[in-house]
Amino acid sequence: MSAVYDLLLRHTNLLTAKTTVLGSAKNVSDAWLSTANKNTIHINTWDWLTAKAYQGHINNELVTFGLPTTDQLRDRTVILLWPKAKPFAQALIQLIATATQRCYVVAANDAGGKSIGSACKEFSSSALKLDSARHCSLWFIDLTPVTKFNWLAMGRSFKWDSADYLTLPGVFSHGSLDSGTSVLLEHLPAPAHGRLLDLGCGSGVIGLSFKKRNPSLEVVLADVDAFALRSAQLNSLRLALPAEILNSDGLASIEGRFDFIISNPPFHQGKNTDYQFARRLFIEAKQHLVKDGQLWLIANRHLGYEEWAQEAFDQVDVMVQEKGFKLICAQKPR
């Protein structure tokens, strides 16, 4: 997504110490990093990878990771990096409208950049496209004021195993249990004991539902997305199911070893198929599993994950194939 930064560099008048760039775009160019550092631009992101991209390049005090709030945006020139999920983007527009009367929005055209004006119509008095380049569009939005905003009020819940799981906007499969996770939970028995890592946890439903069945399990929930981490934290508290919750890029920030690592790994990066997360997981998991530990993944049936797993594990089995998914168990790391 560095193209959105390239477009913003055509509008240096917007890039000042009063500017907050809100959003997720981890592929930052050297030119953008130099400008952000020189102009002391504030970066506000819910994506841990985006936050990490700035580390060592600009003052860490200028980078905020977490759920954005009204106070963080008040009296700022806000530039929103439009997320691909339209309902999430519209929620962010409403948040911005509690803090300021206008904002700028930039997005790749294939991620909704061409239609930002119509997408913001309900929440604005006018929308003007200022520029278009590098297959991206920049808009100026006059906002309709919003007096109250609460992320919890925009949460949606789903039920699994007689428990309700809250998901905040932007979380994968917002308001529902995705089909892949459903297959995993239906066919993978809850471990009786040990230490379990739910990697890419989303709402935390995998780790917490197993904790619910066997309270002696030590559960760690990890994700790169602050909205997922907050959802998991809220579900842990609401259901009285204690768990350690960590922001981590895959296993990069995970310490110790586990009896079970369980994941429904992402494989989309925009319009493209991205296998990097899964391939890294197979390579790195053996450093985080006990001797008899198991790595469980749910994946779309067409993805060749078991072949990659065999490069790092002695035993790899496809345990279930159902609803277009396959449940893979890898054990005995080499």
C-alpha atoms as a PDB file:
ATOM      1  CA  MET A   1       0.000   0.000   0.000  1.00  0.00           C
ATOM      2  CA  SER A   2       2.978   2.372  -0.328  1.00  0.00           C
ATOM      3  CA  ALA A   3       1.164   3.962  -3.281  1.00  0.00           C
ATOM      4  CA  VAL A   4      -1.183   5.787  -0.900  1.00  0.00           C
ATOM      5  CA  TYR A   5       1.840   7.401   0.751  1.00  0.00           C
ATOM      6  CA  ASP A   6       3.236   8.336  -2.652  1.00  0.00           C
ATOM      7  CA  LEU A   7      -0.022  10.131  -3.409  1.00  0.00           C
ATOM      8  CA  LEU A   8       0.080  11.980  -0.093  1.00  0.00           C
ATOM      9  CA  LEU A   9       3.637  13.154  -0.856  1.00  0.00           C
ATOM     10  CA  ARG A  10       2.137  15.180  -3.718  1.00  0.00           C
ATOM     11  CA  HIS A  11       0.307  17.233  -1.045  1.00  0.00           C
ATOM     12  CA  THR A  12       3.012  18.301   1.375  1.00  0.00           C
ATOM     13  CA  ASN A  13       0.825  21.203   2.573  1.00  0.00           C
ATOM     14  CA  LEU A  14      -1.257  18.597   4.411  1.00  0.00           C
ATOM     15  CA  LEU A  15       1.737  16.996   6.104  1.00  0.00           C
ATOM     16  CA  THR A  16       2.544  19.029   9.205  1.00  0.00           C
ATOM     17  CA  ALA A  17       3.069  18.562  12.927  1.00  0.00           C
ATOM     18  CA  LYS A  18      -0.725  18.982  13.294  1.00  0.00           C
ATOM     19  CA  THR A  19      -1.420  16.005  11.032  1.00  0.00           C
ATOM     20  CA  THR A  20      -2.502  12.541  12.168  1.00  0.00           C
ATOM     21  CA  VAL A  21      -2.436   9.724   9.633  1.00  0.00           C
ATOM     22  CA  LEU A  22      -4.998   7.201  10.816  1.00  0.00           C
ATOM     23  CA  GLY A  23      -5.005   3.671   9.466  1.00  0.00           C
ATOM     24  CA  SER A  24      -3.114   0.628   8.321  1.00  0.00           C
ATOM     25  CA  ALA A  25      -0.525   0.557   5.540  1.00  0.00           C
ATOM     26  CA  LYS A  26       2.648  -1.258   6.526  1.00  0.00           C
ATOM     27  CA  ASN A  27       4.588  -0.910   3.241  1.00  0.00           C
ATOM     28  CA  VAL A  28       6.122   2.486   3.889  1.00  0.00           C
ATOM     29  CA  SER A  29       8.577   4.031   1.441  1.00  0.00           C
ATOM     30  CA  ASP A  30      11.817   5.729   2.433  1.00  0.00           C
ATOM     31  CA  ALA A  31      10.519   9.026   1.062  1.00  0.00           C
ATOM     32  CA  TRP A  32       7.429   8.799   3.240  1.00  0.00           C
ATOM     33  CA  LEU A  33       9.416   7.861   6.352  1.00  0.00           C
ATOM     34  CA  SER A  34      11.717  10.824   5.775  1.00  0.00           C
ATOM     35  CA  THR A  35       8.761  13.212   5.435  1.00  0.00           C
ATOM     36  CA  ALA A  36       6.937  11.775   8.443  1.00  0.00           C
ATOM     37  CA  ASN A  37      10.043  12.142  10.575  1.00  0.00           C
ATOM     38  CA  LYS A  38      10.948  15.626   9.358  1.00  0.00           C
ATOM     39  CA  ASN A  39       7.414  16.989   9.763  1.00  0.00           C
ATOM     40  CA  THR A  40       6.698  15.107  13.027  1.00  0.00           C
ATOM     41  CA  ILE A  41       3.505  13.612  11.630  1.00  0.00           C
ATOM     42  CA  HIS A  42       1.500  11.525  14.103  1.00  0.00           C
ATOM     43  CA  ILE A  43       0.723   7.928  13.130  1.00  0.00           C
ATOM     44  CA  ASN A  44      -2.342   6.294  14.691  1.00  0.00           C
ATOM     45  CA  THR A  45      -2.876   2.653  13.757  1.00  0.00           C
ATOM     46  CA  TRP A  46      -4.652  -0.491  14.918  1.00  0.00           C
ATOM     47  CA  ASP A  47      -2.213  -2.678  12.954  1.00  0.00           C
ATOM     48  CA  TRP A  48       0.893  -3.863  14.793  1.00  0.00           C
ATOM     49  CA  LEU A  49       2.792  -4.373  11.523  1.00  0.00           C
ATOM     50  CA  THR A  50       2.171  -0.749  10.555  1.00  0.00           C
ATOM     51  CA  ALA A  51       3.358   0.435  13.963  1.00  0.00           C
ATOM     52  CA  LYS A  52       6.498  -1.712  13.652  1.00  0.00           C
ATOM     53  CA  ALA A  53       7.238  -0.298  10.183  1.00  0.00           C
ATOM     54  CA  TYR A  54       7.883   3.085  11.791  1.00  0.00           C
ATOM     55  CA  GLN A  55      10.060   1.848  14.644  1.00  0.00           C
ATOM     56  CA  GLY A  56      13.588   3.162  14.368  1.00  0.00           C
ATOM     57  CA  HIS A  57      12.577   5.586  11.613  1.00  0.00           C
ATOM     58  CA  ILE A  58      10.561   8.200  13.491  1.00  0.00           C
ATOM     59  CA  ASN A  59      10.147   9.169  17.133  1.00  0.00           C
ATOM     60  CA  ASN A  60       8.224   6.324  18.794  1.00  0.00           C
ATOM     61  CA  GLU A  61       6.188   8.887  20.730  1.00  0.00           C
ATOM     62  CA  LEU A  62       4.581   9.867  17.421  1.00  0.00           C
ATOM     63  CA  VAL A  63       3.234   6.334  16.825  1.00  0.00           C
ATOM     64  CA  THR A  64       0.082   5.173  18.607  1.00  0.00           C
ATOM     65  CA  PHE A  65      -1.041   1.534  18.430  1.00  0.00           C
ATOM     66  CA  GLY A  66      -4.553   0.656  19.578  1.00  0.00           C
ATOM     67  CA  LEU A  67      -8.171   1.626  19.118  1.00  0.00           C
ATOM     68  CA  PRO A  68      -8.329   5.282  17.997  1.00  0.00           C
ATOM     69  CA  THR A  69     -10.226   7.686  20.236  1.00  0.00           C
ATOM     70  CA  THR A  70     -11.819  11.117  19.911  1.00  0.00           C
ATOM     71  CA  ASP A  71      -9.218  12.744  22.178  1.00  0.00           C
ATOM     72  CA  GLN A  72      -6.358  11.503  19.972  1.00  0.00           C
ATOM     73  CA  LEU A  73      -7.899  13.143  16.892  1.00  0.00           C
ATOM     74  CA  ARG A  74      -9.311  16.367  18.321  1.00  0.00           C
ATOM     75  CA  ASP A  75      -7.971  19.557  16.684  1.00  0.00           C
ATOM     76  CA  ARG A  76      -5.848  17.519  14.280  1.00  0.00           C
ATOM     77  CA  THR A  77      -5.701  17.397  10.483  1.00  0.00           C
ATOM     78  CA  VAL A  78      -6.818  13.786  10.063  1.00  0.00           C
ATOM     79  CA  ILE A  79      -5.900  11.747   6.988  1.00  0.00           C
ATOM     80  CA  LEU A  80      -7.684   8.413   6.984  1.00  0.00           C
ATOM     81  CA  LEU A  81      -6.145   5.484   5.126  1.00  0.00           C
ATOM     82  CA  TRP A  82      -9.441   3.948   4.036  1.00  0.00           C
ATOM     83  CA  PRO A  83      -9.707   0.252   5.003  1.00  0.00           C
ATOM     84  CA  LYS A  84     -11.167  -2.169   2.494  1.00  0.00           C
ATOM     85  CA  ALA A  85     -14.048  -3.214   4.769  1.00  0.00           C
ATOM     86  CA  LYS A  86     -16.650  -0.514   4.093  1.00  0.00           C
ATOM     87  CA  PRO A  87     -18.600  -0.795   7.402  1.00  0.00           C
ATOM     88  CA  PHE A  88     -15.345  -0.464   9.332  1.00  0.00           C
ATOM     89  CA  ALA A  89     -14.323   2.549   7.235  1.00  0.00           C
ATOM     90  CA  GLN A  90     -17.697   4.207   7.873  1.00  0.00           C
ATOM     91  CA  ALA A  91     -17.295   3.598  11.612  1.00  0.00           C
ATOM     92  CA  LEU A  92     -13.930   5.372  11.483  1.00  0.00           C
ATOM     93  CA  ILE A  93     -15.502   8.309   9.648  1.00  0.00           C
ATOM     94  CA  GLN A  94     -18.068   8.621  12.438  1.00  0.00           C
ATOM     95  CA  LEU A  95     -15.302   8.579  15.046  1.00  0.00           C
ATOM     96  CA  ILE A  96     -13.401  11.314  13.191  1.00  0.00           C
ATOM     97  CA  ALA A  97     -16.612  13.383  13.068  1.00  0.00           C
ATOM     98  CA  THR A  98     -16.633  13.529  16.885  1.00  0.00           C
ATOM     99  CA  ALA A  99     -13.247  15.264  16.832  1.00  0.00           C
ATOM    100  CA  THR A 100     -13.168  17.525  13.762  1.00  0.00           C
ATOM    101  CA  GLN A 101     -15.427  19.011  11.077  1.00  0.00           C
ATOM    102  CA  ARG A 102     -13.400  17.810   8.094  1.00  0.00           C
ATOM    103  CA  CYS A 103     -10.874  15.186   7.114  1.00  0.00           C
ATOM    104  CA  TYR A 104      -8.967  13.752   4.183  1.00  0.00           C
ATOM    105  CA  VAL A 105      -9.350  10.188   2.968  1.00  0.00           C
ATOM    106  CA  VAL A 106      -6.979   8.261   0.709  1.00  0.00           C
ATOM    107  CA  ALA A 107      -7.307   4.736  -0.690  1.00  0.00           C
ATOM    108  CA  ALA A 108      -6.244   2.481  -3.510  1.00  0.00           C
ATOM    109  CA  ASN A 109      -8.902   2.469  -6.220  1.00  0.00           C
ATOM    110  CA  ASP A 110      -9.345  -1.297  -5.963  1.00  0.00           C
ATOM    111  CA  ALA A 111      -9.973  -0.893  -2.219  1.00  0.00           C
ATOM    112  CA  GLY A 112     -12.827   1.574  -2.654  1.00  0.00           C
ATOM    113  CA  GLY A 113     -10.886   4.729  -3.500  1.00  0.00           C
ATOM    114  CA  LYS A 114     -13.113   5.687  -6.413  1.00  0.00           C
ATOM    115  CA  SER A 115     -16.329   5.486  -4.367  1.00  0.00           C
ATOM    116  CA  ILE A 116     -15.290   7.146  -1.108  1.00  0.00           C
ATOM    117  CA  GLY A 117     -17.585  10.087  -1.799  1.00  0.00           C
ATOM    118  CA  SER A 118     -20.669   7.889  -2.008  1.00  0.00           C
ATOM    119  CA  ALA A 119     -19.516   5.724   0.913  1.00  0.00           C
ATOM    120  CA  CYS A 120     -19.258   8.849   3.099  1.00  0.00           C
ATOM    121  CA  LYS A 121     -22.488  10.434   1.867  1.00  0.00           C
ATOM    122  CA  GLU A 122     -24.474   9.468   4.971  1.00  0.00           C
ATOM    123  CA  PHE A 123     -21.883  11.077   7.251  1.00  0.00           C
ATOM    124  CA  SER A 124     -20.884  14.210   5.300  1.00  0.00           C
ATOM    125  CA  SER A 125     -22.282  17.382   3.788  1.00  0.00           C
ATOM    126  CA  SER A 126     -19.882  17.245   0.832  1.00  0.00           C
ATOM    127  CA  ALA A 127     -17.041  15.166  -0.577  1.00  0.00           C
ATOM    128  CA  LEU A 128     -14.529  16.385  -3.125  1.00  0.00           C
ATOM    129  CA  LYS A 129     -11.923  14.292  -4.933  1.00  0.00           C
ATOM    130  CA  LEU A 130      -8.686  16.257  -4.791  1.00  0.00           C
ATOM    131  CA  ASP A 131      -6.300  14.002  -6.659  1.00  0.00           C
ATOM    132  CA  SER A 132      -5.886  10.656  -8.361  1.00  0.00           C
ATOM    133  CA  ALA A 133      -2.533   8.987  -9.065  1.00  0.00           C
ATOM    134  CA  ARG A 134      -0.750   5.656  -8.660  1.00  0.00           C
ATOM    135  CA  HIS A 135      -4.182   3.965  -8.837  1.00  0.00           C
ATOM    136  CA  CYS A 136      -5.194   5.807  -5.660  1.00  0.00           C
ATOM    137  CA  SER A 137      -7.600   8.632  -4.859  1.00  0.00           C
ATOM    138  CA  LEU A 138      -7.466  11.471  -2.316  1.00  0.00           C
ATOM    139  CA  TRP A 139     -10.712  13.025  -1.035  1.00  0.00           C
ATOM    140  CA  PHE A 140     -11.642  16.001   1.138  1.00  0.00           C
ATOM    141  CA  ILE A 141     -14.697  15.335   3.308  1.00  0.00           C
ATOM    142  CA  ASP A 142     -16.880  17.899   5.119  1.00  0.00           C
ATOM    143  CA  LEU A 143     -18.232  15.884   8.038  1.00  0.00           C
ATOM    144  CA  THR A 144     -21.639  15.924   9.662  1.00  0.00           C
ATOM    145  CA  PRO A 145     -20.911  16.375  13.400  1.00  0.00           C
ATOM    146  CA  VAL A 146     -21.281  13.340  15.655  1.00  0.00           C
ATOM    147  CA  THR A 147     -21.713  13.974  19.382  1.00  0.00           C
ATOM    148  CA  LYS A 148     -21.325  10.450  20.763  1.00  0.00           C
ATOM    149  CA  PHE A 149     -19.260   7.504  19.641  1.00  0.00           C
ATOM    150  CA  ASN A 150     -18.520   4.204  21.352  1.00  0.00           C
ATOM    151  CA  TRP A 151     -16.707   1.284  19.762  1.00  0.00           C
ATOM    152  CA  LEU A 152     -18.633  -1.141  21.967  1.00  0.00           C
ATOM    153  CA  ALA A 153     -21.924   0.137  20.577  1.00  0.00           C
ATOM    154  CA  MET A 154     -20.743  -0.986  17.133  1.00  0.00           C
ATOM    155  CA  GLY A 155     -19.783  -4.448  18.292  1.00  0.00           C
ATOM    156  CA  ARG A 156     -21.593  -7.536  17.065  1.00  0.00           C
ATOM    157  CA  SER A 157     -21.836 -10.911  18.728  1.00  0.00           C
ATOM    158  CA  PHE A 158     -22.128 -14.533  17.709  1.00  0.00           C
ATOM    159  CA  LYS A 159     -22.787 -17.634  19.766  1.00  0.00           C
ATOM    160  CA  TRP A 160     -20.658 -20.739  20.068  1.00  0.00           C
ATOM    161  CA  ASP A 161     -20.966 -23.529  22.624  1.00  0.00           C
ATOM    162  CA  SER A 162     -23.602 -21.584  24.607  1.00  0.00           C
ATOM    163  CA  ALA A 163     -21.343 -18.528  24.937  1.00  0.00           C
ATOM    164  CA  ASP A 164     -21.586 -15.139  23.220  1.00  0.00           C
ATOM    165  CA  TYR A 165     -18.450 -13.735  21.601  1.00  0.00           C
ATOM    166  CA  LEU A 166     -18.230 -10.020  20.876  1.00  0.00           C
ATOM    167  CA  THR A 167     -16.435  -8.710  17.786  1.00  0.00           C
ATOM    168  CA  LEU A 168     -15.574  -5.061  17.272  1.00  0.00           C
ATOM    169  CA  PRO A 169     -15.611  -3.447  13.814  1.00  0.00           C
ATOM    170  CA  GLY A 170     -12.727  -4.482  11.593  1.00  0.00           C
ATOM    171  CA  VAL A 171     -12.306  -7.905  13.194  1.00  0.00           C
ATOM    172  CA  PHE A 172     -12.278 -10.843  10.768  1.00  0.00           C
ATOM    173  CA  SER A 173     -15.800 -12.207  10.203  1.00  0.00           C
ATOM    174  CA  HIS A 174     -17.313  -9.352  12.226  1.00  0.00           C
ATOM    175  CA  GLY A 175     -20.445 -10.562  14.011  1.00  0.00           C
ATOM    176  CA  SER A 176     -20.287 -14.200  12.928  1.00  0.00           C
ATOM    177  CA  LEU A 177     -18.262 -17.380  13.306  1.00  0.00           C
ATOM    178  CA  ASP A 178     -16.402 -17.943  10.044  1.00  0.00           C
ATOM    179  CA  SER A 179     -16.787 -21.302   8.343  1.00  0.00           C
ATOM    180  CA  GLY A 180     -13.157 -22.355   8.728  1.00  0.00           C
ATOM    181  CA  THR A 181     -13.074 -21.761  12.479  1.00  0.00           C
ATOM    182  CA  SER A 182     -16.409 -23.549  12.774  1.00  0.00           C
ATOM    183  CA  VAL A 183     -14.953 -26.670  11.135  1.00  0.00           C
ATOM    184  CA  LEU A 184     -11.923 -26.523  13.442  1.00  0.00           C
ATOM    185  CA  LEU A 185     -14.004 -26.193  16.600  1.00  0.00           C
ATOM    186  CA  GLU A 186     -16.390 -28.947  15.576  1.00  0.00           C
ATOM    187  CA  HIS A 187     -13.640 -31.496  14.954  1.00  0.00           C
ATOM    188  CA  LEU A 188     -10.735 -30.609  17.243  1.00  0.00           C
ATOM    189  CA  PRO A 189     -11.297 -31.900  20.804  1.00  0.00           C
ATOM    190  CA  ALA A 190     -10.364 -29.458  23.529  1.00  0.00           C
ATOM    191  CA  PRO A 191      -6.963 -30.348  24.984  1.00  0.00           C
ATOM    192  CA  ALA A 192      -7.231 -31.606  28.552  1.00  0.00           C
ATOM    193  CA  HIS A 193      -4.197 -29.712  29.864  1.00  0.00           C
ATOM    194  CA  GLY A 194      -1.050 -27.860  28.896  1.00  0.00           C
ATOM    195  CA  ARG A 195      -0.242 -24.510  27.285  1.00  0.00           C
ATOM    196  CA  LEU A 196      -2.180 -23.425  24.176  1.00  0.00           C
ATOM    197  CA  LEU A 197      -1.513 -20.565  21.752  1.00  0.00           C
ATOM    198  CA  ASP A 198      -4.381 -19.225  19.633  1.00  0.00           C
ATOM    199  CA  LEU A 199      -2.407 -17.417  16.931  1.00  0.00           C
ATOM    200  CA  GLY A 200      -4.287 -14.813  14.883  1.00  0.00           C
ATOM    201  CA  CYS A 201      -6.951 -15.096  17.553  1.00  0.00           C
ATOM    202  CA  GLY A 202      -9.543 -12.601  16.283  1.00  0.00           C
ATOM    203  CA  SER A 203     -12.303 -12.650  18.890  1.00  0.00           C
ATOM    204  CA  GLY A 204     -10.450 -15.342  20.837  1.00  0.00           C
ATOM    205  CA  VAL A 205     -13.155 -17.927  20.226  1.00  0.00           C
ATOM    206  CA  ILE A 206     -10.745 -20.841  19.641  1.00  0.00           C
ATOM    207  CA  GLY A 207      -8.612 -20.413  22.739  1.00  0.00           C
ATOM    208  CA  LEU A 208     -11.431 -19.278  25.009  1.00  0.00           C
ATOM    209  CA  SER A 209     -13.857 -22.023  23.992  1.00  0.00           C
ATOM    210  CA  PHE A 210     -11.170 -24.620  24.788  1.00  0.00           C
ATOM    211  CA  LYS A 211     -10.485 -22.834  28.089  1.00  0.00           C
ATOM    212  CA  LYS A 212     -14.215 -22.981  28.836  1.00  0.00           C
ATOM    213  CA  ARG A 213     -14.223 -26.768  28.386  1.00  0.00           C
ATOM    214  CA  ASN A 214     -10.978 -27.334  30.320  1.00  0.00           C
ATOM    215  CA  PRO A 215     -10.233 -24.477  32.761  1.00  0.00           C
ATOM    216  CA  SER A 216      -6.804 -25.934  33.626  1.00  0.00           C
ATOM    217  CA  LEU A 217      -5.514 -25.001  30.154  1.00  0.00           C
ATOM    218  CA  GLU A 218      -3.068 -22.090  30.052  1.00  0.00           C
ATOM    219  CA  VAL A 219      -4.223 -20.013  27.078  1.00  0.00           C
ATOM    220  CA  VAL A 220      -2.372 -17.293  25.160  1.00  0.00           C
ATOM    221  CA  LEU A 221      -4.224 -15.224  22.537  1.00  0.00           C
ATOM    222  CA  ALA A 222      -2.165 -13.301  19.957  1.00  0.00           C
ATOM    223  CA  ASP A 223      -2.981 -11.078  16.974  1.00  0.00           C
ATOM    224  CA  VAL A 224      -1.615  -8.086  15.049  1.00  0.00           C
ATOM    225  CA  ASP A 225      -4.937  -6.209  15.098  1.00  0.00           C
ATOM    226  CA  ALA A 226      -5.827  -4.003  18.071  1.00  0.00           C
ATOM    227  CA  PHE A 227      -9.558  -4.438  17.454  1.00  0.00           C
ATOM    228  CA  ALA A 228      -9.121  -8.220  17.581  1.00  0.00           C
ATOM    229  CA  LEU A 229      -7.012  -7.994  20.736  1.00  0.00           C
ATOM    230  CA  ARG A 230      -9.571  -5.761  22.431  1.00  0.00           C
ATOM    231  CA  SER A 231     -12.394  -8.109  21.372  1.00  0.00           C
ATOM    232  CA  ALA A 232     -10.485 -11.071  22.795  1.00  0.00           C
ATOM    233  CA  GLN A 233      -9.791  -9.177  26.005  1.00  0.00           C
ATOM    234  CA  LEU A 234     -13.455  -8.257  26.428  1.00  0.00           C
ATOM    235  CA  ASN A 235     -14.554 -11.832  25.769  1.00  0.00           C
ATOM    236  CA  SER A 236     -12.016 -13.158  28.256  1.00  0.00           C
ATOM    237  CA  LEU A 237     -13.386 -10.791  30.916  1.00  0.00           C
ATOM    238  CA  ARG A 238     -17.066 -11.270  30.077  1.00  0.00           C
ATOM    239  CA  LEU A 239     -16.813 -15.056  30.099  1.00  0.00           C
ATOM    240  CA  ALA A 240     -14.503 -15.162  33.143  1.00  0.00           C
ATOM    241  CA  LEU A 241     -11.947 -17.169  31.156  1.00  0.00           C
ATOM    242  CA  PRO A 242      -8.462 -15.858  32.025  1.00  0.00           C
ATOM    243  CA  ALA A 243      -5.983 -15.686  29.154  1.00  0.00           C
ATOM    244  CA  GLU A 244      -2.747 -13.885  28.312  1.00  0.00           C
ATOM    245  CA  ILE A 245      -3.306 -11.511  25.383  1.00  0.00           C
ATOM    246  CA  LEU A 246      -0.402 -10.344  23.213  1.00  0.00           C
ATOM    247  CA  ASN A 247       0.184  -8.296  20.095  1.00  0.00           C
ATOM    248  CA  SER A 248       2.560 -10.238  17.875  1.00  0.00           C
ATOM    249  CA  ASP A 249       3.570 -10.561  14.234  1.00  0.00           C
ATOM    250  CA  GLY A 250       3.161 -14.312  13.964  1.00  0.00           C
ATOM    251  CA  LEU A 251       5.445 -15.874  16.572  1.00  0.00           C
ATOM    252  CA  ALA A 252       7.886 -12.944  16.640  1.00  0.00           C
ATOM    253  CA  SER A 253       6.859 -11.652  20.092  1.00  0.00           C
ATOM    254  CA  ILE A 254       5.858 -15.004  21.577  1.00  0.00           C
ATOM    255  CA  GLU A 255       7.968 -16.454  24.376  1.00  0.00           C
ATOM    256  CA  GLY A 256       8.168 -19.973  25.728  1.00  0.00           C
ATOM    257  CA  ARG A 257       6.906 -23.275  24.394  1.00  0.00           C
ATOM    258  CA  PHE A 258       3.426 -24.650  23.899  1.00  0.00           C
ATOM    259  CA  ASP A 259       1.752 -28.020  23.870  1.00  0.00           C
ATOM    260  CA  PHE A 260      -0.629 -26.754  21.184  1.00  0.00           C
ATOM    261  CA  ILE A 261      -0.443 -23.947  18.618  1.00  0.00           C
ATOM    262  CA  ILE A 262      -3.745 -23.469  16.806  1.00  0.00           C
ATOM    263  CA  SER A 263      -4.392 -21.033  13.971  1.00  0.00           C
ATOM    264  CA  ASN A 264      -6.766 -20.060  11.204  1.00  0.00           C
ATOM    265  CA  PRO A 265      -4.035 -18.200   9.288  1.00  0.00           C
ATOM    266  CA  PRO A 266      -4.784 -15.356   6.863  1.00  0.00           C
ATOM    267  CA  PHE A 267      -4.018 -15.990   3.230  1.00  0.00           C
ATOM    268  CA  HIS A 268      -5.298 -12.806   1.570  1.00  0.00           C
ATOM    269  CA  GLN A 269      -3.302  -9.599   1.216  1.00  0.00           C
ATOM    270  CA  GLY A 270      -5.586  -7.244  -0.669  1.00  0.00           C
ATOM    271  CA  LYS A 271      -6.513  -8.997  -3.912  1.00  0.00           C
ATOM    272  CA  ASN A 272      -3.519 -11.327  -3.798  1.00  0.00           C
ATOM    273  CA  THR A 273      -2.942 -14.668  -2.141  1.00  0.00           C
ATOM    274  CA  ASP A 274      -0.321 -14.351   0.582  1.00  0.00           C
ATOM    275  CA  TYR A 275       1.313 -17.514   1.903  1.00  0.00           C
ATOM    276  CA  GLN A 276       4.026 -15.820   3.942  1.00  0.00           C
ATOM    277  CA  PHE A 277       2.311 -16.110   7.334  1.00  0.00           C
ATOM    278  CA  ALA A 278       1.725 -19.869   6.997  1.00  0.00           C
ATOM    279  CA  ARG A 279       5.194 -20.618   5.630  1.00  0.00           C
ATOM    280  CA  ARG A 280       6.843 -18.682   8.450  1.00  0.00           C
ATOM    281  CA  LEU A 281       4.605 -20.437  10.971  1.00  0.00           C
ATOM    282  CA  PHE A 282       5.736 -23.903   9.882  1.00  0.00           C
ATOM    283  CA  ILE A 283       9.393 -22.884  10.038  1.00  0.00           C
ATOM    284  CA  GLU A 284       9.197 -21.067  13.379  1.00  0.00           C
ATOM    285  CA  ALA A 285       6.672 -23.255  15.219  1.00  0.00           C
ATOM    286  CA  LYS A 286       9.219 -25.928  16.099  1.00  0.00           C
ATOM    287  CA  GLN A 287      11.021 -23.422  18.350  1.00  0.00           C
ATOM    288  CA  HIS A 288       7.768 -22.846  20.222  1.00  0.00           C
ATOM    289  CA  LEU A 289       6.476 -26.396  20.658  1.00  0.00           C
ATOM    290  CA  VAL A 290       7.342 -28.859  23.404  1.00  0.00           C
ATOM    291  CA  LYS A 291       8.774 -32.225  22.351  1.00  0.00           C
ATOM    292  CA  ASP A 292       5.357 -33.800  21.718  1.00  0.00           C
ATOM    293  CA  GLY A 293       3.642 -30.532  20.780  1.00  0.00           C
ATOM    294  CA  GLN A 294       1.131 -30.160  17.968  1.00  0.00           C
ATOM    295  CA  LEU A 295       0.460 -27.438  15.415  1.00  0.00           C
ATOM    296  CA  TRP A 296      -3.148 -27.355  14.173  1.00  0.00           C
ATOM    297  CA  LEU A 297      -4.243 -25.258  11.181  1.00  0.00           C
ATOM    298  CA  ILE A 298      -7.505 -24.832   9.335  1.00  0.00           C
ATOM    299  CA  ALA A 299      -7.046 -23.859   5.689  1.00  0.00           C
ATOM    300  CA  ASN A 300      -8.892 -23.603   2.421  1.00  0.00           C
ATOM    301  CA  ARG A 301      -8.752 -26.976   0.722  1.00  0.00           C
ATOM    302  CA  HIS A 302      -6.867 -25.691  -2.348  1.00  0.00           C
ATOM    303  CA  LEU A 303      -3.896 -24.391  -0.319  1.00  0.00           C
ATOM    304  CA  GLY A 304      -0.899 -26.735  -0.207  1.00  0.00           C
ATOM    305  CA  TYR A 305      -0.110 -26.164   3.448  1.00  0.00           C
ATOM    306  CA  GLU A 306       0.557 -29.817   4.286  1.00  0.00           C
ATOM    307  CA  GLU A 307       3.374 -29.921   1.726  1.00  0.00           C
ATOM    308  CA  TRP A 308       5.103 -26.973   3.385  1.00  0.00           C
ATOM    309  CA  ALA A 309       4.499 -28.450   6.832  1.00  0.00           C
ATOM    310  CA  GLN A 310       6.362 -31.606   5.792  1.00  0.00           C
ATOM    311  CA  GLU A 311       9.511 -29.509   5.340  1.00  0.00           C
ATOM    312  CA  ALA A 312       9.550 -28.793   9.085  1.00  0.00           C
ATOM    313  CA  PHE A 313       7.640 -31.704  10.677  1.00  0.00           C
ATOM    314  CA  ASP A 314       8.055 -35.477  10.556  1.00  0.00           C
ATOM    315  CA  GLN A 315       4.337 -36.171  10.801  1.00  0.00           C
ATOM    316  CA  VAL A 316       1.680 -34.150   8.974  1.00  0.00           C
ATOM    317  CA  ASP A 317      -1.926 -35.347   8.687  1.00  0.00           C
ATOM    318  CA  VAL A 318      -5.035 -33.929   7.081  1.00  0.00           C
ATOM    319  CA  MET A 319      -7.547 -34.833   9.768  1.00  0.00           C
ATOM    320  CA  VAL A 320     -10.768 -33.488   8.224  1.00  0.00           C
ATOM    321  CA  GLN A 321     -11.912 -32.121   4.856  1.00  0.00           C
ATOM    322  CA  GLU A 322     -15.258 -30.375   5.008  1.00  0.00           C
ATOM    323  CA  LYS A 323     -17.075 -27.312   3.603  1.00  0.00           C
ATOM    324  CA  GLY A 324     -14.106 -26.416   1.410  1.00  0.00           C
ATOM    325  CA  PHE A 325     -11.626 -26.527   4.304  1.00  0.00           C
ATOM    326  CA  LYS A 326      -9.088 -28.973   5.644  1.00  0.00           C
ATOM    327  CA  LEU A 327      -7.879 -29.387   9.207  1.00  0.00           C
ATOM    328  CA  ILE A 328      -4.148 -30.132   9.390  1.00  0.00           C
ATOM    329  CA  CYS A 329      -2.165 -31.485  12.337  1.00  0.00           C
ATOM    330  CA  ALA A 330       1.630 -31.258  12.297  1.00  0.00           C
ATOM    331  CA  GLN A 331       3.770 -32.817  15.016  1.00  0.00           C
ATOM    332  CA  LYS A 332       7.268 -34.114  15.763  1.00  0.00           C
ATOM    333  CA  PRO A 333       9.186 -31.073  14.532  1.00  0.00           C
ATOM    334  CA  ARG A 334      12.570 -31.817  12.935  1.00  0.00           C
END
